[in-house]
């Protein structure tokens, strides 16, 4: 499964395209990810990540999710979003995974 994210780059195009540390944030816990593809188009940062089974399962139980981009893991400053409410989405994700015959 692929996670595709879009957020306002707010003029930080260069940083978003060069910063190497991308993390999935689930309930305030950070999980490093590798961007499969990224670009800034019309001021919006777009990126795609291939999710592991463990990440999918964690998202399915999440109260909040986010994706942050940093100059290095653990850096005090990030671009992105770290705490989007997701409880309603988590229930829908579980249903989607079941309909796709996803096995744990």
Protein backbone atom coordinates (compact mmCIF):
# COMPACT_ATOMS: atom_id res chain seq x y z
CA UNK A 1 0.00 0.00 0.00
CA UNK A 2 1.21 3.49 -0.81
CA UNK A 3 0.80 6.62 1.29
CA UNK A 4 0.53 9.76 -0.85
CA UNK A 5 0.72 13.06 1.00
CA UNK A 6 0.28 16.68 -0.05
CA UNK A 7 0.84 19.79 2.05
CA UNK A 8 1.60 23.47 1.53
CA UNK A 9 5.36 23.93 1.11
CA UNK A 10 5.08 27.54 2.35
CA UNK A 11 8.11 28.54 0.28
CA UNK A 12 10.37 25.80 1.65
CA UNK A 13 10.63 23.96 -1.65
CA UNK A 14 14.43 23.60 -1.51
CA UNK A 15 14.42 22.20 2.04
CA UNK A 16 11.58 19.76 1.38
CA UNK A 17 13.33 18.37 -1.67
CA UNK A 18 16.75 18.12 -0.02
CA UNK A 19 15.99 17.13 3.60
CA UNK A 20 16.70 13.39 3.90
CA UNK A 21 14.78 12.50 7.08
CA UNK A 22 11.14 11.63 6.45
CA UNK A 23 9.03 10.16 9.27
CA UNK A 24 5.56 8.78 9.67
CA UNK A 25 4.13 10.09 12.95
CA UNK A 26 1.56 7.86 14.64
CA UNK A 27 0.20 9.01 18.00
CA UNK A 28 3.32 11.14 18.62
CA UNK A 29 5.75 8.29 17.79
CA UNK A 30 8.06 8.78 14.80
CA UNK A 31 8.83 6.00 12.33
CA UNK A 32 11.49 6.68 9.65
CA UNK A 33 10.34 6.25 6.05
CA UNK A 34 11.94 6.57 2.65
CA UNK A 35 10.25 8.73 0.05
CA UNK A 36 9.68 6.75 -3.14
CA UNK A 37 9.04 10.00 -5.01
CA UNK A 38 8.69 13.69 -4.16
CA UNK A 39 8.13 17.03 -5.86
CA UNK A 40 6.84 20.52 -5.24
CA UNK A 41 4.10 21.46 -7.70
CA UNK A 42 2.31 24.82 -7.61
CA UNK A 43 3.59 25.43 -4.07
CA UNK A 44 2.42 22.06 -2.74
CA UNK A 45 4.80 19.34 -1.52
CA UNK A 46 3.82 15.92 -2.87
CA UNK A 47 5.46 12.71 -1.72
CA UNK A 48 4.82 8.99 -1.91
CA UNK A 49 5.84 6.30 0.57
CA UNK A 50 5.51 2.53 0.41
CA UNK A 51 4.09 1.38 3.74
CA UNK A 52 5.11 -1.76 5.58
CA UNK A 53 2.57 -4.13 7.08
CA UNK A 54 3.53 -2.91 10.56
CA UNK A 55 2.96 0.72 9.56
CA UNK A 56 -0.45 -0.10 8.08
CA UNK A 57 -1.50 -1.91 11.23
CA UNK A 58 -0.31 0.97 13.40
CA UNK A 59 -2.19 3.51 11.26
CA UNK A 60 -5.30 1.33 11.61
CA UNK A 61 -5.15 1.86 15.40
CA UNK A 62 -4.07 5.51 15.28
CA UNK A 63 -5.75 8.45 16.95
CA UNK A 64 -3.50 10.87 15.04
CA UNK A 65 -1.10 10.62 12.10
CA UNK A 66 1.34 12.86 10.29
CA UNK A 67 4.36 13.01 8.04
CA UNK A 68 7.34 15.20 8.88
CA UNK A 69 10.43 16.10 6.87
CA UNK A 70 13.63 17.13 8.67
CA UNK A 71 17.27 17.91 7.98
CA UNK A 72 18.09 14.92 10.22
CA UNK A 73 16.15 12.51 12.42
CA UNK A 74 15.58 14.07 15.82
CA UNK A 75 16.09 17.64 14.57
CA UNK A 76 14.03 20.15 16.58
CA UNK A 77 12.45 21.71 13.46
CA UNK A 78 10.32 19.95 10.87
CA UNK A 79 8.17 20.68 7.85
CA UNK A 80 4.89 18.84 7.38
CA UNK A 81 2.19 17.89 9.86
CA UNK A 82 2.59 15.80 12.97
CA UNK A 83 -0.85 15.34 14.49
CA UNK A 84 -3.83 15.12 12.14
CA UNK A 85 -6.84 13.51 13.92
CA UNK A 86 -7.40 10.07 12.40
CA UNK A 87 -9.73 7.98 14.58
CA UNK A 88 -12.56 8.06 12.02
CA UNK A 89 -10.11 7.37 9.19
CA UNK A 90 -8.56 4.43 11.06
CA UNK A 91 -11.91 2.62 11.12
CA UNK A 92 -12.29 3.19 7.37
CA UNK A 93 -8.75 1.99 6.71
CA UNK A 94 -9.43 -1.31 8.47
CA UNK A 95 -12.50 -1.82 6.26
CA UNK A 96 -10.52 -0.97 3.13
CA UNK A 97 -7.76 -3.42 4.04
CA UNK A 98 -10.30 -6.18 4.62
CA UNK A 99 -11.93 -5.51 1.25
CA UNK A 100 -8.48 -5.84 -0.38
CA UNK A 101 -7.95 -9.22 1.29
CA UNK A 102 -5.10 -7.76 3.36
CA UNK A 103 -3.70 -10.36 5.69
CA UNK A 104 -1.85 -9.53 8.90
